[in-house]
Amino acid sequence: MGWNVSGWATVAEEPGILTLAGLPIGNQEDAQPRLLEALHSARIIAAEDTRRLRRFASRAGVRLGGEAGARVVSYYDANENRRAGELLEELRAGNDVLMVTDAGMPAVSDPGYRLVNACADAGVPVTAIPGPSAVTTALALSGLPSDRFCFEGFPPRKGQAGRFAELARESRTLVFFESPRRVGATLAAMAEAFGADRRAAVCRELTKTHEEVRRGTLSELASWAREVRGEVTVVVAGAESRPVSRDPDDLAAAVAEREAGGLSRKDAVQQVAGELGVPKREVYDAAHR
């Protein structure tokens, strides 16, 4: 069992409350009074980067934990499994825990999911202080349909062609995070899978001084994005409905066209199946006739 703030391992009749607090995604002035009060009154704070949190608090004029001070512990990807257990014991001992990540909401493509899941299993209450989100901010600024969307997080570094092939016929607007170093290559891969003329938007440095929203086709954005810097969110229009031909000759021709463009037979089959909504086995059989 972990140690609580008093130094003793106990189990309380009423557990503490885990509060997920959303920090600004760029502009510090977006910090709401409720967030600042929570940072001031917290006794235990789990932070993705403790130094970054302390800098944020200093700029905001907030003393973490007030006069008594707060115990600030690190909670990031590499230590999340171990730290989640320790924090759960604190909560079971009756101590409240405030969780923050570097920007945006914890547990949304950021550390936090494992502890929330453990709290749900243990009957420990979880609440939130909502904050800005790069997902919904970029979606709103993109100019693309926002009534239905799905968030895909960071695309995989390996196997992108297969993953994008699976999403090629997705009709909802797609939202991705991406590293500025990889965004050009990722947009090029999207253009290959979704079509060069699919509409998209690249949103970078949201709410910051150098905020920029660049809109265009995937091929246009792939050419532009070679020198992109800063935090990046990519929004891609969903696929338009169109009649699907399941004629074997048409399927084979679609696979051959993609092979001629440089895809392997496996990736070409997967892409055609994803785009047309046809089972991969049916496309594979057509290509091998």
C-alpha atoms as a PDB file:
ATOM      1  CA  MET A   1       0.000   0.000   0.000  1.00  0.00           C
ATOM      2  CA  GLY A   2       1.262   3.517  -0.836  1.00  0.00           C
ATOM      3  CA  TRP A   3       1.878   6.337   1.631  1.00  0.00           C
ATOM      4  CA  ASN A   4      -0.584   9.142   2.058  1.00  0.00           C
ATOM      5  CA  VAL A   5       0.275  12.773   2.682  1.00  0.00           C
ATOM      6  CA  SER A   6       0.505  12.234   6.433  1.00  0.00           C
ATOM      7  CA  GLY A   7       3.048   9.465   5.953  1.00  0.00           C
ATOM      8  CA  TRP A   8       0.750   6.638   7.031  1.00  0.00           C
ATOM      9  CA  ALA A   9      -0.881   3.997   4.856  1.00  0.00           C
ATOM     10  CA  THR A  10      -4.591   3.931   5.667  1.00  0.00           C
ATOM     11  CA  VAL A  11      -7.957   3.110   4.164  1.00  0.00           C
ATOM     12  CA  ALA A  12     -10.655   5.723   4.731  1.00  0.00           C
ATOM     13  CA  GLU A  13     -14.386   5.116   4.989  1.00  0.00           C
ATOM     14  CA  GLU A  14     -14.885   7.660   2.176  1.00  0.00           C
ATOM     15  CA  PRO A  15     -12.350   7.725  -0.663  1.00  0.00           C
ATOM     16  CA  GLY A  16     -10.855  10.915  -2.015  1.00  0.00           C
ATOM     17  CA  ILE A  17     -11.817  12.413  -5.350  1.00  0.00           C
ATOM     18  CA  LEU A  18      -9.682  12.348  -8.480  1.00  0.00           C
ATOM     19  CA  THR A  19     -10.060  15.611 -10.419  1.00  0.00           C
ATOM     20  CA  LEU A  20      -8.864  15.831 -14.020  1.00  0.00           C
ATOM     21  CA  ALA A  21      -8.000  19.456 -14.763  1.00  0.00           C
ATOM     22  CA  GLY A  22      -7.560  20.821 -18.274  1.00  0.00           C
ATOM     23  CA  LEU A  23      -4.723  23.304 -18.710  1.00  0.00           C
ATOM     24  CA  PRO A  24      -4.639  25.857 -21.557  1.00  0.00           C
ATOM     25  CA  ILE A  25      -3.366  24.493 -24.867  1.00  0.00           C
ATOM     26  CA  GLY A  26      -1.306  27.594 -25.551  1.00  0.00           C
ATOM     27  CA  ASN A  27      -2.477  30.938 -24.231  1.00  0.00           C
ATOM     28  CA  GLN A  28      -2.095  31.021 -20.460  1.00  0.00           C
ATOM     29  CA  GLU A  29      -4.862  33.606 -20.176  1.00  0.00           C
ATOM     30  CA  ASP A  30      -7.328  30.839 -21.061  1.00  0.00           C
ATOM     31  CA  ALA A  31      -6.834  29.423 -17.548  1.00  0.00           C
ATOM     32  CA  GLN A  32     -10.153  29.668 -15.750  1.00  0.00           C
ATOM     33  CA  PRO A  33     -10.528  30.756 -12.088  1.00  0.00           C
ATOM     34  CA  ARG A  34     -11.735  27.299 -11.035  1.00  0.00           C
ATOM     35  CA  LEU A  35      -8.519  25.728 -12.320  1.00  0.00           C
ATOM     36  CA  LEU A  36      -6.337  28.266 -10.518  1.00  0.00           C
ATOM     37  CA  GLU A  37      -8.274  27.766  -7.274  1.00  0.00           C
ATOM     38  CA  ALA A  38      -7.883  23.979  -7.581  1.00  0.00           C
ATOM     39  CA  LEU A  39      -4.107  24.331  -8.005  1.00  0.00           C
ATOM     40  CA  HIS A  40      -3.993  26.641  -4.976  1.00  0.00           C
ATOM     41  CA  SER A  41      -5.988  24.317  -2.709  1.00  0.00           C
ATOM     42  CA  ALA A  42      -4.690  20.894  -3.811  1.00  0.00           C
ATOM     43  CA  ARG A  43      -2.652  18.755  -1.431  1.00  0.00           C
ATOM     44  CA  ILE A  44      -1.559  16.176  -4.032  1.00  0.00           C
ATOM     45  CA  ILE A  45      -0.995  17.077  -7.687  1.00  0.00           C
ATOM     46  CA  ALA A  46      -0.052  14.542 -10.366  1.00  0.00           C
ATOM     47  CA  ALA A  47       1.595  16.363 -13.277  1.00  0.00           C
ATOM     48  CA  GLU A  48       2.904  15.130 -16.621  1.00  0.00           C
ATOM     49  CA  ASP A  49       5.874  17.493 -16.258  1.00  0.00           C
ATOM     50  CA  THR A  50       6.348  18.891 -12.750  1.00  0.00           C
ATOM     51  CA  ARG A  51       8.735  21.632 -13.886  1.00  0.00           C
ATOM     52  CA  ARG A  52       6.361  22.832 -16.568  1.00  0.00           C
ATOM     53  CA  LEU A  53       3.505  22.918 -14.054  1.00  0.00           C
ATOM     54  CA  ARG A  54       5.562  24.979 -11.626  1.00  0.00           C
ATOM     55  CA  ARG A  55       6.429  27.449 -14.400  1.00  0.00           C
ATOM     56  CA  PHE A  56       2.761  27.695 -15.339  1.00  0.00           C
ATOM     57  CA  ALA A  57       1.761  28.308 -11.718  1.00  0.00           C
ATOM     58  CA  SER A  58       4.465  30.930 -11.279  1.00  0.00           C
ATOM     59  CA  ARG A  59       3.339  32.858 -14.369  1.00  0.00           C
ATOM     60  CA  ALA A  60      -0.278  32.603 -13.204  1.00  0.00           C
ATOM     61  CA  GLY A  61       0.635  33.878  -9.745  1.00  0.00           C
ATOM     62  CA  VAL A  62      -0.582  30.706  -8.033  1.00  0.00           C
ATOM     63  CA  ARG A  63       1.155  28.990  -5.128  1.00  0.00           C
ATOM     64  CA  LEU A  64       0.600  25.270  -5.529  1.00  0.00           C
ATOM     65  CA  GLY A  65      -1.161  24.018  -2.424  1.00  0.00           C
ATOM     66  CA  GLY A  66      -1.338  27.492  -0.886  1.00  0.00           C
ATOM     67  CA  GLU A  67       0.562  28.156   2.343  1.00  0.00           C
ATOM     68  CA  ALA A  68       0.649  24.464   3.239  1.00  0.00           C
ATOM     69  CA  GLY A  69       2.129  23.547  -0.119  1.00  0.00           C
ATOM     70  CA  ALA A  70       1.223  20.643  -2.377  1.00  0.00           C
ATOM     71  CA  ARG A  71       3.028  17.386  -2.970  1.00  0.00           C
ATOM     72  CA  VAL A  72       3.631  17.398  -6.728  1.00  0.00           C
ATOM     73  CA  VAL A  73       4.438  14.017  -8.265  1.00  0.00           C
ATOM     74  CA  SER A  74       5.289  13.158 -11.852  1.00  0.00           C
ATOM     75  CA  TYR A  75       2.772  11.171 -13.877  1.00  0.00           C
ATOM     76  CA  TYR A  76       3.805  10.495 -17.465  1.00  0.00           C
ATOM     77  CA  ASP A  77       3.794   7.663 -19.993  1.00  0.00           C
ATOM     78  CA  ALA A  78       6.884   5.862 -18.690  1.00  0.00           C
ATOM     79  CA  ASN A  79       5.798   5.714 -15.037  1.00  0.00           C
ATOM     80  CA  GLU A  80       2.010   5.677 -15.448  1.00  0.00           C
ATOM     81  CA  ASN A  81       1.532   1.989 -14.588  1.00  0.00           C
ATOM     82  CA  ARG A  82       3.427   2.287 -11.298  1.00  0.00           C
ATOM     83  CA  ARG A  83       2.230   5.747 -10.338  1.00  0.00           C
ATOM     84  CA  ALA A  84      -1.439   4.925 -10.994  1.00  0.00           C
ATOM     85  CA  GLY A  85      -1.320   2.294  -8.256  1.00  0.00           C
ATOM     86  CA  GLU A  86       0.311   4.687  -5.787  1.00  0.00           C
ATOM     87  CA  LEU A  87      -2.220   7.431  -6.484  1.00  0.00           C
ATOM     88  CA  LEU A  88      -5.115   5.001  -6.207  1.00  0.00           C
ATOM     89  CA  GLU A  89      -3.942   4.123  -2.692  1.00  0.00           C
ATOM     90  CA  GLU A  90      -3.856   7.807  -1.800  1.00  0.00           C
ATOM     91  CA  LEU A  91      -7.424   8.147  -3.041  1.00  0.00           C
ATOM     92  CA  ARG A  92      -8.547   5.062  -1.132  1.00  0.00           C
ATOM     93  CA  ALA A  93      -6.994   6.577   1.962  1.00  0.00           C
ATOM     94  CA  GLY A  94      -9.326   9.560   1.599  1.00  0.00           C
ATOM     95  CA  ASN A  95      -6.911  12.022  -0.049  1.00  0.00           C
ATOM     96  CA  ASP A  96      -8.019  14.055  -3.059  1.00  0.00           C
ATOM     97  CA  VAL A  97      -5.741  14.075  -6.120  1.00  0.00           C
ATOM     98  CA  LEU A  98      -5.596  16.735  -8.823  1.00  0.00           C
ATOM     99  CA  MET A  99      -4.229  15.559 -12.184  1.00  0.00           C
ATOM    100  CA  VAL A 100      -2.911  17.823 -14.939  1.00  0.00           C
ATOM    101  CA  THR A 101      -0.989  17.245 -18.161  1.00  0.00           C
ATOM    102  CA  ASP A 102       1.133  19.692 -20.135  1.00  0.00           C
ATOM    103  CA  ALA A 103      -1.853  21.031 -22.073  1.00  0.00           C
ATOM    104  CA  GLY A 104      -5.478  20.109 -22.590  1.00  0.00           C
ATOM    105  CA  MET A 105      -7.401  17.375 -20.795  1.00  0.00           C
ATOM    106  CA  PRO A 106      -5.682  14.439 -19.074  1.00  0.00           C
ATOM    107  CA  ALA A 107      -6.528  11.016 -20.527  1.00  0.00           C
ATOM    108  CA  VAL A 108      -7.225  12.437 -24.024  1.00  0.00           C
ATOM    109  CA  SER A 109      -4.135  11.305 -25.933  1.00  0.00           C
ATOM    110  CA  ASP A 110      -2.286  12.116 -22.683  1.00  0.00           C
ATOM    111  CA  PRO A 111      -1.572  10.247 -19.429  1.00  0.00           C
ATOM    112  CA  GLY A 112      -4.541   9.648 -17.161  1.00  0.00           C
ATOM    113  CA  TYR A 113      -6.579   6.835 -18.661  1.00  0.00           C
ATOM    114  CA  ARG A 114      -5.090   4.092 -16.499  1.00  0.00           C
ATOM    115  CA  LEU A 115      -5.800   5.895 -13.232  1.00  0.00           C
ATOM    116  CA  VAL A 116      -9.346   6.810 -14.288  1.00  0.00           C
ATOM    117  CA  ASN A 117      -9.946   3.183 -15.233  1.00  0.00           C
ATOM    118  CA  ALA A 118      -8.535   1.966 -11.905  1.00  0.00           C
ATOM    119  CA  CYS A 119     -10.721   4.460 -10.015  1.00  0.00           C
ATOM    120  CA  ALA A 120     -13.804   3.281 -11.887  1.00  0.00           C
ATOM    121  CA  ASP A 121     -13.044  -0.328 -10.923  1.00  0.00           C
ATOM    122  CA  ALA A 122     -12.380   0.625  -7.287  1.00  0.00           C
ATOM    123  CA  GLY A 123     -15.445   2.830  -6.884  1.00  0.00           C
ATOM    124  CA  VAL A 124     -13.356   5.988  -6.404  1.00  0.00           C
ATOM    125  CA  PRO A 125     -15.163   9.126  -7.670  1.00  0.00           C
ATOM    126  CA  VAL A 126     -13.684  11.001 -10.629  1.00  0.00           C
ATOM    127  CA  THR A 127     -14.628  14.510 -11.734  1.00  0.00           C
ATOM    128  CA  ALA A 128     -13.193  17.134 -14.077  1.00  0.00           C
ATOM    129  CA  ILE A 129     -12.410  20.803 -14.438  1.00  0.00           C
ATOM    130  CA  PRO A 130     -12.910  21.090 -18.211  1.00  0.00           C
ATOM    131  CA  GLY A 131     -10.413  23.056 -20.218  1.00  0.00           C
ATOM    132  CA  PRO A 132      -9.478  23.897 -23.809  1.00  0.00           C
ATOM    133  CA  SER A 133      -8.969  21.028 -26.239  1.00  0.00           C
ATOM    134  CA  ALA A 134      -6.857  21.113 -29.400  1.00  0.00           C
ATOM    135  CA  VAL A 135      -9.244  18.544 -30.914  1.00  0.00           C
ATOM    136  CA  THR A 136     -12.398  20.652 -30.799  1.00  0.00           C
ATOM    137  CA  THR A 137     -10.542  23.947 -31.322  1.00  0.00           C
ATOM    138  CA  ALA A 138      -8.962  22.722 -34.563  1.00  0.00           C
ATOM    139  CA  LEU A 139     -12.235  21.163 -35.689  1.00  0.00           C
ATOM    140  CA  ALA A 140     -14.070  24.447 -35.184  1.00  0.00           C
ATOM    141  CA  LEU A 141     -11.403  26.444 -37.065  1.00  0.00           C
ATOM    142  CA  SER A 142     -10.973  23.973 -39.929  1.00  0.00           C
ATOM    143  CA  GLY A 143     -14.054  24.999 -41.892  1.00  0.00           C
ATOM    144  CA  LEU A 144     -14.886  21.308 -42.363  1.00  0.00           C
ATOM    145  CA  PRO A 145     -18.133  19.617 -41.242  1.00  0.00           C
ATOM    146  CA  SER A 146     -18.194  19.410 -37.447  1.00  0.00           C
ATOM    147  CA  ASP A 147     -21.559  17.775 -36.773  1.00  0.00           C
ATOM    148  CA  ARG A 148     -19.955  14.301 -36.796  1.00  0.00           C
ATOM    149  CA  PHE A 149     -16.258  13.651 -36.248  1.00  0.00           C
ATOM    150  CA  CYS A 150     -13.832  11.105 -34.823  1.00  0.00           C
ATOM    151  CA  PHE A 151     -10.509  11.658 -33.088  1.00  0.00           C
ATOM    152  CA  GLU A 152      -7.703   9.330 -34.199  1.00  0.00           C
ATOM    153  CA  GLY A 153      -4.861  10.632 -32.011  1.00  0.00           C
ATOM    154  CA  PHE A 154      -1.340  10.237 -33.407  1.00  0.00           C
ATOM    155  CA  PRO A 155      -1.115   8.124 -36.598  1.00  0.00           C
ATOM    156  CA  PRO A 156       1.154   5.077 -36.253  1.00  0.00           C
ATOM    157  CA  ARG A 157       4.755   5.586 -37.301  1.00  0.00           C
ATOM    158  CA  LYS A 158       4.746   2.186 -38.986  1.00  0.00           C
ATOM    159  CA  GLY A 159       1.933   0.754 -41.068  1.00  0.00           C
ATOM    160  CA  GLN A 160       0.423   4.132 -41.928  1.00  0.00           C
ATOM    161  CA  ALA A 161      -0.748   2.950 -45.347  1.00  0.00           C
ATOM    162  CA  GLY A 162      -2.825   0.180 -43.804  1.00  0.00           C
ATOM    163  CA  ARG A 163      -4.296   2.405 -41.107  1.00  0.00           C
ATOM    164  CA  PHE A 164      -5.242   5.145 -43.548  1.00  0.00           C
ATOM    165  CA  ALA A 165      -6.705   2.552 -45.919  1.00  0.00           C
ATOM    166  CA  GLU A 166      -9.041   1.478 -43.108  1.00  0.00           C
ATOM    167  CA  LEU A 167     -10.155   5.109 -42.659  1.00  0.00           C
ATOM    168  CA  ALA A 168     -10.481   5.970 -46.349  1.00  0.00           C
ATOM    169  CA  ARG A 169     -14.260   5.433 -46.434  1.00  0.00           C
ATOM    170  CA  GLU A 170     -14.932   6.998 -43.024  1.00  0.00           C
ATOM    171  CA  SER A 171     -17.661   9.597 -43.620  1.00  0.00           C
ATOM    172  CA  ARG A 172     -17.036  11.576 -40.428  1.00  0.00           C
ATOM    173  CA  THR A 173     -14.484  14.375 -40.261  1.00  0.00           C
ATOM    174  CA  LEU A 174     -11.160  12.998 -38.961  1.00  0.00           C
ATOM    175  CA  VAL A 175      -8.934  14.744 -36.418  1.00  0.00           C
ATOM    176  CA  PHE A 176      -5.288  13.737 -35.849  1.00  0.00           C
ATOM    177  CA  PHE A 177      -2.336  14.935 -33.800  1.00  0.00           C
ATOM    178  CA  GLU A 178       1.077  14.805 -35.475  1.00  0.00           C
ATOM    179  CA  SER A 179       4.686  15.789 -34.866  1.00  0.00           C
ATOM    180  CA  PRO A 180       5.855  18.767 -36.965  1.00  0.00           C
ATOM    181  CA  ARG A 181       8.776  16.602 -38.138  1.00  0.00           C
ATOM    182  CA  ARG A 182       6.439  13.997 -39.623  1.00  0.00           C
ATOM    183  CA  VAL A 183       3.411  16.009 -40.691  1.00  0.00           C
ATOM    184  CA  GLY A 184       4.582  16.446 -44.304  1.00  0.00           C
ATOM    185  CA  ALA A 185       5.085  12.708 -44.812  1.00  0.00           C
ATOM    186  CA  THR A 186       1.830  11.938 -43.006  1.00  0.00           C
ATOM    187  CA  LEU A 187      -0.141  14.306 -45.241  1.00  0.00           C
ATOM    188  CA  ALA A 188       1.444  12.704 -48.306  1.00  0.00           C
ATOM    189  CA  ALA A 189       0.398   9.262 -47.035  1.00  0.00           C
ATOM    190  CA  MET A 190      -3.122  10.581 -46.417  1.00  0.00           C
ATOM    191  CA  ALA A 191      -3.244  11.969 -49.957  1.00  0.00           C
ATOM    192  CA  GLU A 192      -2.286   8.529 -51.259  1.00  0.00           C
ATOM    193  CA  ALA A 193      -4.944   6.751 -49.206  1.00  0.00           C
ATOM    194  CA  PHE A 194      -7.786   9.289 -49.151  1.00  0.00           C
ATOM    195  CA  GLY A 195      -7.209  10.955 -52.502  1.00  0.00           C
ATOM    196  CA  ALA A 196      -5.076  13.968 -53.377  1.00  0.00           C
ATOM    197  CA  ASP A 197      -8.113  16.265 -53.603  1.00  0.00           C
ATOM    198  CA  ARG A 198      -9.591  15.435 -50.169  1.00  0.00           C
ATOM    199  CA  ARG A 199     -10.080  18.673 -48.219  1.00  0.00           C
ATOM    200  CA  ALA A 200      -8.126  19.159 -45.016  1.00  0.00           C
ATOM    201  CA  ALA A 201      -6.732  21.750 -42.624  1.00  0.00           C
ATOM    202  CA  VAL A 202      -3.470  21.919 -40.687  1.00  0.00           C
ATOM    203  CA  CYS A 203      -3.783  23.883 -37.441  1.00  0.00           C
ATOM    204  CA  ARG A 204      -0.583  24.772 -35.612  1.00  0.00           C
ATOM    205  CA  GLU A 205       0.285  26.703 -32.453  1.00  0.00           C
ATOM    206  CA  LEU A 206      -3.400  27.038 -31.535  1.00  0.00           C
ATOM    207  CA  THR A 207      -4.164  30.044 -29.280  1.00  0.00           C
ATOM    208  CA  LYS A 208      -0.484  31.063 -29.342  1.00  0.00           C
ATOM    209  CA  THR A 209       1.120  34.142 -30.896  1.00  0.00           C
ATOM    210  CA  HIS A 210       1.960  32.374 -34.166  1.00  0.00           C
ATOM    211  CA  GLU A 211      -1.321  30.500 -34.562  1.00  0.00           C
ATOM    212  CA  GLU A 212      -1.921  29.422 -38.143  1.00  0.00           C
ATOM    213  CA  VAL A 213      -4.683  27.496 -39.893  1.00  0.00           C
ATOM    214  CA  ARG A 214      -3.803  26.375 -43.414  1.00  0.00           C
ATOM    215  CA  ARG A 215      -6.659  24.924 -45.499  1.00  0.00           C
ATOM    216  CA  GLY A 216      -6.470  23.122 -48.826  1.00  0.00           C
ATOM    217  CA  THR A 217      -6.326  19.701 -50.426  1.00  0.00           C
ATOM    218  CA  LEU A 218      -4.154  16.992 -48.928  1.00  0.00           C
ATOM    219  CA  SER A 219      -1.689  17.212 -51.808  1.00  0.00           C
ATOM    220  CA  GLU A 220      -1.406  21.004 -51.428  1.00  0.00           C
ATOM    221  CA  LEU A 221      -0.902  20.763 -47.694  1.00  0.00           C
ATOM    222  CA  ALA A 222       1.674  17.959 -48.053  1.00  0.00           C
ATOM    223  CA  SER A 223       3.799  20.223 -50.255  1.00  0.00           C
ATOM    224  CA  TRP A 224       3.449  23.182 -47.883  1.00  0.00           C
ATOM    225  CA  ALA A 225       4.076  21.292 -44.629  1.00  0.00           C
ATOM    226  CA  ARG A 226       7.768  20.499 -45.146  1.00  0.00           C
ATOM    227  CA  GLU A 227       8.863  23.365 -42.880  1.00  0.00           C
ATOM    228  CA  VAL A 228       6.071  23.299 -40.290  1.00  0.00           C
ATOM    229  CA  ARG A 229       6.969  24.033 -36.673  1.00  0.00           C
ATOM    230  CA  GLY A 230       5.081  23.911 -33.381  1.00  0.00           C
ATOM    231  CA  GLU A 231       2.174  21.817 -32.100  1.00  0.00           C
ATOM    232  CA  VAL A 232       0.124  20.444 -34.995  1.00  0.00           C
ATOM    233  CA  THR A 233      -3.451  19.188 -35.348  1.00  0.00           C
ATOM    234  CA  VAL A 234      -4.664  17.864 -38.713  1.00  0.00           C
ATOM    235  CA  VAL A 235      -8.347  17.850 -39.687  1.00  0.00           C
ATOM    236  CA  VAL A 236      -9.447  15.857 -42.749  1.00  0.00           C
ATOM    237  CA  ALA A 237     -12.856  15.863 -44.423  1.00  0.00           C
ATOM    238  CA  GLY A 238     -14.783  12.606 -44.362  1.00  0.00           C
ATOM    239  CA  ALA A 239     -15.332  10.509 -47.465  1.00  0.00           C
ATOM    240  CA  GLU A 240     -18.231  11.330 -49.741  1.00  0.00           C
ATOM    241  CA  SER A 241     -20.790   8.611 -50.417  1.00  0.00           C
ATOM    242  CA  ARG A 242     -20.508   7.046 -53.845  1.00  0.00           C
ATOM    243  CA  PRO A 243     -21.748   3.923 -55.580  1.00  0.00           C
ATOM    244  CA  VAL A 244     -19.567   0.896 -54.918  1.00  0.00           C
ATOM    245  CA  SER A 245     -18.673  -1.453 -57.752  1.00  0.00           C
ATOM    246  CA  ARG A 246     -17.956  -4.996 -56.633  1.00  0.00           C
ATOM    247  CA  ASP A 247     -17.297  -6.268 -60.130  1.00  0.00           C
ATOM    248  CA  PRO A 248     -14.095  -8.407 -59.908  1.00  0.00           C
ATOM    249  CA  ASP A 249     -12.606  -6.723 -62.965  1.00  0.00           C
ATOM    250  CA  ASP A 250     -13.103  -3.275 -61.408  1.00  0.00           C
ATOM    251  CA  LEU A 251     -11.601  -4.420 -58.107  1.00  0.00           C
ATOM    252  CA  ALA A 252      -8.595  -5.950 -59.879  1.00  0.00           C
ATOM    253  CA  ALA A 253      -8.094  -2.753 -61.894  1.00  0.00           C
ATOM    254  CA  ALA A 254      -8.197  -0.647 -58.725  1.00  0.00           C
ATOM    255  CA  VAL A 255      -5.537  -2.840 -57.107  1.00  0.00           C
ATOM    256  CA  ALA A 256      -3.360  -2.737 -60.240  1.00  0.00           C
ATOM    257  CA  GLU A 257      -3.609   1.066 -60.348  1.00  0.00           C
ATOM    258  CA  ARG A 258      -2.291   1.360 -56.789  1.00  0.00           C
ATOM    259  CA  GLU A 259       0.451  -1.183 -57.415  1.00  0.00           C
ATOM    260  CA  ALA A 260       1.566   0.908 -60.373  1.00  0.00           C
ATOM    261  CA  GLY A 261       1.756   3.840 -57.979  1.00  0.00           C
ATOM    262  CA  GLY A 262       4.249   1.977 -55.786  1.00  0.00           C
ATOM    263  CA  LEU A 263       2.122   0.154 -53.208  1.00  0.00           C
ATOM    264  CA  SER A 264       2.715  -3.496 -52.436  1.00  0.00           C
ATOM    265  CA  ARG A 265      -0.022  -5.965 -53.390  1.00  0.00           C
ATOM    266  CA  LYS A 266      -0.982  -6.333 -49.710  1.00  0.00           C
ATOM    267  CA  ASP A 267      -1.262  -2.570 -49.117  1.00  0.00           C
ATOM    268  CA  ALA A 268      -3.067  -2.030 -52.427  1.00  0.00           C
ATOM    269  CA  VAL A 269      -5.659  -4.682 -51.551  1.00  0.00           C
ATOM    270  CA  GLN A 270      -6.115  -3.192 -48.093  1.00  0.00           C
ATOM    271  CA  GLN A 271      -6.513   0.317 -49.474  1.00  0.00           C
ATOM    272  CA  VAL A 272      -9.084  -0.685 -52.106  1.00  0.00           C
ATOM    273  CA  ALA A 273     -11.041  -2.686 -49.529  1.00  0.00           C
ATOM    274  CA  GLY A 274     -11.061   0.263 -47.148  1.00  0.00           C
ATOM    275  CA  GLU A 275     -12.052   2.809 -49.791  1.00  0.00           C
ATOM    276  CA  LEU A 276     -14.885   0.733 -51.245  1.00  0.00           C
ATOM    277  CA  GLY A 277     -16.082  -0.988 -48.086  1.00  0.00           C
ATOM    278  CA  VAL A 278     -15.508  -4.399 -49.666  1.00  0.00           C
ATOM    279  CA  PRO A 279     -14.070  -7.360 -47.690  1.00  0.00           C
ATOM    280  CA  LYS A 280     -10.317  -7.729 -48.194  1.00  0.00           C
ATOM    281  CA  ARG A 281     -10.707 -11.390 -49.172  1.00  0.00           C
ATOM    282  CA  GLU A 282     -13.027 -10.396 -52.030  1.00  0.00           C
ATOM    283  CA  VAL A 283     -10.558  -7.801 -53.305  1.00  0.00           C
ATOM    284  CA  TYR A 284      -7.641 -10.243 -52.893  1.00  0.00           C
ATOM    285  CA  ASP A 285      -9.451 -12.953 -54.866  1.00  0.00           C
ATOM    286  CA  ALA A 286     -10.293 -10.470 -57.646  1.00  0.00           C
ATOM    287  CA  ALA A 287      -6.671  -9.307 -57.895  1.00  0.00           C
ATOM    288  CA  HIS A 288      -5.399 -12.893 -58.135  1.00  0.00           C
ATOM    289  CA  ARG A 289      -7.830 -14.125 -60.738  1.00  0.00           C
END
